[in-house]
Protein backbone atom coordinates (compact mmCIF):
# COMPACT_ATOMS: atom_id res chain seq x y z
CA MET A 1 -13.65 15.39 -13.67
CA THR A 2 -11.19 13.94 -16.06
CA ASN A 3 -8.42 16.49 -14.57
CA PHE A 4 -8.88 17.67 -11.35
CA GLN A 5 -6.39 20.27 -11.01
CA ASN A 6 -5.10 19.62 -7.68
CA THR A 7 -3.98 16.02 -8.83
CA PRO A 8 -1.54 16.31 -11.51
CA LEU A 9 0.36 13.09 -10.79
CA LEU A 10 -2.94 11.30 -10.24
CA ASN A 11 -4.60 12.50 -13.74
CA THR A 12 -1.82 10.75 -15.64
CA ILE A 13 -3.16 7.30 -13.78
CA ASN A 14 -6.18 5.71 -15.13
CA PHE A 15 -5.10 1.80 -14.29
CA PRO A 16 -2.72 0.12 -12.07
CA ALA A 17 -0.19 -0.48 -14.92
CA ASP A 18 0.15 3.31 -15.43
CA LEU A 19 1.02 3.54 -11.18
CA ARG A 20 3.43 0.59 -11.51
CA ALA A 21 5.35 2.75 -14.43
CA LEU A 22 6.02 5.20 -12.20
CA PRO A 23 9.37 5.10 -9.82
CA ALA A 24 8.99 4.41 -6.47
CA ASP A 25 9.86 7.82 -5.05
CA GLN A 26 6.92 9.29 -6.80
CA LEU A 27 4.51 7.12 -4.61
CA PRO A 28 4.27 9.42 -1.61
CA GLN A 29 2.85 11.92 -4.09
CA VAL A 30 0.35 9.57 -5.57
CA ALA A 31 -1.05 8.87 -2.14
CA GLU A 32 -1.28 12.51 -1.26
CA GLU A 33 -3.20 13.42 -4.31
CA LEU A 34 -5.64 10.32 -4.19
CA ARG A 35 -6.47 11.13 -0.46
CA ARG A 36 -7.09 14.74 -1.84
CA TYR A 37 -9.25 13.46 -4.92
CA LEU A 38 -10.99 10.81 -2.59
CA THR A 39 -11.91 13.54 -0.16
CA HIS A 40 -13.25 16.01 -2.87
CA THR A 41 -15.24 13.76 -5.02
CA VAL A 42 -16.82 11.83 -2.22
CA SER A 43 -17.77 15.16 -0.33
CA GLN A 44 -19.88 15.98 -3.06
CA SER A 45 -21.51 12.60 -3.71
CA GLY A 46 -21.63 11.16 -0.22
CA GLY A 47 -20.79 7.88 0.68
CA HIS A 48 -18.34 6.36 3.48
CA PHE A 49 -14.99 7.75 2.83
CA SER A 50 -13.42 7.43 6.27
CA ALA A 51 -12.44 3.87 5.75
CA GLY A 52 -10.93 4.81 2.27
CA LEU A 53 -8.88 7.51 3.55
CA GLY A 54 -7.31 5.12 6.13
CA THR A 55 -6.31 2.75 3.18
CA VAL A 56 -4.73 5.21 0.58
CA GLU A 57 -1.25 4.17 0.74
CA LEU A 58 -2.04 0.51 1.36
CA THR A 59 -4.03 0.48 -1.87
CA VAL A 60 -1.31 2.25 -3.55
CA ALA A 61 1.23 -0.09 -2.21
CA LEU A 62 -0.81 -3.09 -3.23
CA HIS A 63 -1.45 -2.38 -6.88
CA TYR A 64 2.31 -1.34 -7.44
CA VAL A 65 3.56 -4.65 -6.23
CA PHE A 66 0.94 -7.03 -7.33
CA ASN A 67 0.04 -7.62 -10.94
CA THR A 68 -3.59 -6.88 -10.62
CA PRO A 69 -6.13 -7.98 -11.88
CA TYR A 70 -4.12 -11.10 -12.48
CA ASP A 71 -3.17 -10.90 -8.60
CA PRO A 72 -6.36 -10.56 -7.13
CA LEU A 73 -7.17 -8.29 -4.33
CA VAL A 74 -10.28 -9.30 -2.14
CA TRP A 75 -11.68 -6.13 -0.15
CA ASP A 76 -13.58 -7.25 3.31
CA VAL A 77 -16.17 -4.52 3.84
CA GLY A 78 -16.18 -2.52 0.51
CA HIS A 79 -16.08 1.09 1.78
CA GLN A 80 -12.44 0.61 2.40
CA ALA A 81 -12.09 0.39 -1.20
CA TYR A 82 -12.87 3.68 -2.51
CA PRO A 83 -9.12 4.29 -3.63
CA HIS A 84 -9.01 1.10 -5.11
CA LYS A 85 -12.08 2.22 -7.56
CA ILE A 86 -10.22 5.37 -8.50
CA LEU A 87 -6.83 3.33 -9.34
CA THR A 88 -8.74 0.80 -11.56
CA GLY A 89 -10.48 3.02 -14.18
CA ARG A 90 -13.03 4.57 -12.19
CA LYS A 91 -11.71 7.63 -11.46
CA ASP A 92 -13.90 9.92 -13.28
CA LYS A 93 -16.63 8.23 -12.10
CA MET A 94 -16.43 8.60 -8.72
CA PRO A 95 -18.76 11.55 -8.29
CA THR A 96 -21.18 8.99 -9.34
CA ILE A 97 -21.38 6.68 -6.36
CA ARG A 98 -24.47 5.98 -4.86
CA THR A 99 -26.43 7.55 -7.54
CA LEU A 100 -28.91 6.22 -9.95
CA ASN A 101 -26.90 4.61 -13.06
CA GLY A 102 -23.57 5.25 -11.07
CA ILE A 103 -20.85 2.99 -9.78
CA CYS A 104 -21.46 0.74 -7.07
CA ALA A 105 -20.36 1.42 -3.44
CA PHE A 106 -18.68 -1.59 -2.91
CA PRO A 107 -16.36 -4.19 -5.18
CA ASN A 108 -19.00 -5.58 -7.71
CA ARG A 109 -17.65 -8.19 -10.18
CA ALA A 110 -19.62 -6.84 -13.12
CA GLU A 111 -18.45 -3.37 -12.82
CA SER A 112 -14.58 -4.27 -13.16
CA GLU A 113 -12.17 -7.12 -13.79
CA TYR A 114 -10.17 -5.45 -10.73
CA ASP A 115 -13.10 -6.23 -8.39
CA ALA A 116 -12.43 -10.12 -7.54
CA PHE A 117 -14.97 -10.60 -5.34
CA GLY A 118 -18.57 -9.19 -4.94
CA VAL A 119 -18.80 -7.99 -1.12
CA GLY A 120 -21.87 -8.55 0.70
CA HIS A 121 -20.82 -9.10 4.38
CA SER A 122 -18.02 -8.71 6.17
CA SER A 123 -15.53 -11.67 7.43
CA THR A 124 -15.77 -13.12 3.73
CA SER A 125 -12.46 -11.97 2.42
CA ILE A 126 -10.36 -14.47 3.84
CA SER A 127 -12.22 -17.31 2.74
CA ALA A 128 -12.85 -16.03 -0.71
CA ALA A 129 -9.09 -15.15 -1.29
CA LEU A 130 -8.24 -18.91 0.04
CA GLY A 131 -10.61 -20.48 -2.69
CA MET A 132 -8.85 -18.54 -5.21
CA ALA A 133 -5.47 -19.52 -3.90
CA ILE A 134 -6.50 -23.22 -4.06
CA ALA A 135 -8.06 -22.89 -7.33
CA SER A 136 -4.83 -21.13 -8.68
CA GLN A 137 -2.59 -23.93 -7.50
CA LEU A 138 -4.96 -26.78 -9.03
CA LYS A 139 -4.70 -24.82 -12.12
CA GLY A 140 -0.85 -24.54 -11.92
CA GLU A 141 -0.95 -20.78 -12.05
CA LYS A 142 1.39 -18.42 -10.02
CA ARG A 143 -1.13 -15.93 -8.52
CA HIS A 144 -0.57 -13.83 -5.70
CA CYS A 145 -4.31 -13.87 -3.78
CA VAL A 146 -4.61 -11.23 -1.21
CA ALA A 147 -7.22 -10.63 1.39
CA ILE A 148 -7.69 -7.31 3.04
CA ILE A 149 -9.83 -7.35 6.26
CA GLY A 150 -10.35 -4.82 8.99
CA ASP A 151 -9.69 -5.30 12.74
CA GLY A 152 -13.56 -5.42 13.13
CA SER A 153 -14.14 -7.79 10.38
CA ILE A 154 -11.41 -10.25 11.52
CA THR A 155 -13.50 -11.35 14.75
CA GLY A 156 -15.93 -12.80 12.64
CA GLY A 157 -16.18 -16.65 12.65
CA MET A 158 -15.96 -16.89 9.08
CA ALA A 159 -12.57 -15.22 8.93
CA PHE A 160 -11.19 -17.89 11.65
CA GLU A 161 -12.47 -20.54 10.09
CA ALA A 162 -10.67 -19.53 6.55
CA MET A 163 -7.28 -18.89 8.65
CA ASN A 164 -7.48 -22.29 10.12
CA HIS A 165 -8.26 -23.84 6.78
CA ALA A 166 -5.24 -22.05 5.19
CA GLY A 167 -2.87 -22.88 7.99
CA ASP A 168 -3.71 -26.41 7.47
CA ILE A 169 -3.10 -26.84 3.81
CA GLY A 170 -0.62 -24.17 3.76
CA ALA A 171 -2.31 -22.06 1.03
CA ASN A 172 0.04 -19.54 -0.60
CA MET A 173 -1.92 -16.61 0.06
CA LEU A 174 -1.46 -13.17 2.03
CA VAL A 175 -3.76 -11.70 4.52
CA VAL A 176 -3.32 -7.90 5.18
CA LEU A 177 -4.99 -6.79 8.79
CA ASN A 178 -6.04 -3.07 8.20
CA ASP A 179 -6.03 -2.34 11.82
CA ASN A 180 -7.33 1.26 12.04
CA ASP A 181 -8.65 1.31 15.71
CA MET A 182 -5.57 0.71 17.56
CA SER A 183 -6.76 -2.63 18.96
CA ILE A 184 -3.09 -3.98 19.18
CA SER A 185 -0.75 -1.24 19.79
CA PRO A 186 1.75 -0.57 16.97
CA ASN A 187 5.69 -0.76 17.40
CA VAL A 188 7.30 2.42 16.31
CA GLY A 189 10.84 3.66 15.78
CA ALA A 190 13.69 2.85 13.38
CA LEU A 191 14.49 -0.35 15.46
CA ASN A 192 10.92 -1.86 14.73
CA LYS A 193 11.46 -0.96 11.12
CA TYR A 194 14.90 -2.94 10.92
CA LEU A 195 12.90 -5.63 12.42
CA THR A 196 10.15 -6.16 10.66
CA LYS A 197 12.46 -5.94 7.49
CA VAL A 198 14.44 -8.73 8.83
CA ILE A 199 11.40 -10.87 9.53
CA SER A 200 9.81 -10.21 6.26
CA SER A 201 13.22 -11.15 4.37
CA ARG A 202 13.39 -14.27 2.08
CA LEU A 203 16.79 -14.94 4.09
CA TYR A 204 14.94 -15.03 7.43
CA SER A 205 12.44 -17.15 5.90
CA SER A 206 14.84 -19.78 4.58
CA VAL A 207 16.82 -19.89 7.58
CA ARG A 208 13.50 -20.59 9.80
CA GLU A 209 12.66 -23.18 7.57
CA GLU A 210 16.01 -25.06 7.21
CA SER A 211 16.33 -24.61 10.97
CA LYS A 212 13.10 -26.59 11.48
CA LYS A 213 14.32 -29.15 9.35
CA VAL A 214 17.74 -29.55 11.27
CA LEU A 215 16.01 -29.22 14.72
CA SER A 216 13.15 -31.28 14.25
CA VAL A 217 15.26 -34.23 14.52
CA MET A 218 16.50 -33.12 18.36
CA PRO A 219 12.88 -32.80 19.79
CA ASN A 220 14.39 -31.14 22.91
CA VAL A 221 16.41 -28.73 21.15
CA TRP A 222 13.76 -27.74 18.73
CA GLU A 223 11.08 -27.46 21.44
CA LEU A 224 13.73 -24.87 23.04
CA ALA A 225 14.38 -23.13 19.72
CA ARG A 226 10.56 -22.93 19.01
CA ARG A 227 9.63 -21.25 22.36
CA THR A 228 12.78 -18.69 21.77
CA GLU A 229 11.57 -17.72 18.43
CA GLU A 230 7.95 -17.13 19.60
CA HIS A 231 9.30 -15.20 22.43
CA VAL A 232 11.47 -12.86 20.79
CA LYS A 233 8.81 -12.35 17.91
CA GLY A 234 6.08 -11.72 20.57
CA MET A 235 8.42 -8.91 22.04
CA ILE A 236 8.16 -6.92 18.91
CA ALA A 237 5.02 -8.09 17.43
CA PRO A 238 1.63 -9.48 18.69
CA GLY A 239 1.61 -12.39 16.31
CA THR A 240 1.63 -15.51 18.06
CA LEU A 241 -2.21 -16.07 17.85
CA PHE A 242 -1.59 -16.00 13.64
CA GLU A 243 1.72 -17.96 13.96
CA GLU A 244 -0.28 -20.79 15.74
CA LEU A 245 -2.79 -20.59 13.00
CA GLY A 246 -0.03 -21.71 10.51
CA PHE A 247 0.47 -17.86 9.29
CA ASN A 248 4.01 -16.44 9.13
CA TYR A 249 3.02 -13.05 10.83
CA ILE A 250 4.91 -9.74 9.79
CA GLY A 251 4.48 -6.67 11.52
CA PRO A 252 3.03 -4.28 12.64
CA ILE A 253 3.99 -1.58 10.42
CA ASP A 254 3.16 1.95 9.80
CA GLY A 255 0.26 1.90 7.07
CA HIS A 256 0.59 5.24 6.09
CA ASP A 257 4.32 4.72 5.10
CA VAL A 258 4.12 3.78 1.42
CA GLU A 259 7.64 3.15 0.81
CA THR A 260 7.78 0.69 3.93
CA LEU A 261 4.68 -1.15 2.59
CA VAL A 262 5.99 -1.39 -1.17
CA SER A 263 9.40 -2.98 0.16
CA THR A 264 7.77 -5.25 2.79
CA LEU A 265 5.44 -6.56 0.28
CA GLU A 266 8.21 -7.01 -2.39
CA ASN A 267 9.87 -9.12 0.47
CA ILE A 268 6.83 -11.13 1.27
CA LYS A 269 4.96 -11.74 -1.83
CA ASP A 270 6.73 -14.94 -2.64
CA LEU A 271 6.99 -16.57 0.25
CA SER A 272 5.40 -19.90 0.29
CA GLY A 273 2.50 -20.70 2.53
CA PRO A 274 0.27 -18.16 4.30
CA VAL A 275 1.35 -14.99 5.40
CA PHE A 276 -0.08 -12.40 7.69
CA LEU A 277 0.57 -8.63 7.57
CA HIS A 278 -0.21 -6.41 10.24
CA VAL A 279 -0.94 -2.98 9.14
CA VAL A 280 -1.63 -0.14 11.39
CA THR A 281 -3.59 2.88 9.84
CA GLN A 282 -5.79 5.88 10.87
CA LYS A 283 -9.35 5.61 9.76
CA GLY A 284 -10.60 9.17 8.35
CA LYS A 285 -6.79 10.21 7.75
CA VAL A 286 -6.82 13.50 5.91
CA MET A 287 -3.17 14.45 6.46
CA SER A 288 -0.49 12.44 4.82
CA ARG A 289 2.96 12.04 5.72
CA LEU A 290 4.14 14.00 2.78
CA ARG A 291 2.34 16.86 3.82
CA ARG A 292 3.39 16.48 7.48
CA ILE A 293 7.23 16.58 6.65
CA HIS A 294 6.57 19.79 4.50
């Protein structure tokens, strides 16, 4: 299984460093081949692959932008992490999943240094990533700690407790909401892409923070500005709840547009404080944007 004939580009990728060596314009093809390989291998061995099919482009983008494993990715509900396993040295072992002496169906710290947290139950990823972010800060490290959580898991109490804690202390971490159930309607079109790009930019963030400092000494004006910002952002993104928890909310963006994912993650990865990225995906997706175009 080392060289699956339908995945020539994926065959050259054994670890995320190989992925990061590629030019960005080849990432859609990587995602296409990764989805094809995942479908082939898991259909042979069995396992939960519908969630993984929905996170292909997101997984590619995360490993391309962040310096994994130094920057830890914490997956919530491990079966969405099958593409992650393929890109992190376990591609050839995917046919052994859920078999005797085969690889684990969930992230397992004993199995790979890329598995930052052993997933045993849903709704735990944000608290785990928060602990890593706090430890990184105390040690003077510059790690980007990322939690990837689904729209079902984020309803768990532990997830909200962790977000409340992260917002309260201003932890430097990223929470990615993998919204694959369309529970919050996604915004679409060129205008939304433009607005999301603006909101995720360092310029927007710096202007926003400096404006806070200036307007905070004028209570009436500050309150008007705060309400205006919430109203404007509320029209294009359902992020008021996460903003109130202390997160800088970005999105929603198309979770199957790998180029937009990469540019957005590049924009936000060095923002200070907790950031919440809302990504809309399709669970069980078997056709990529690349194939639809051609």
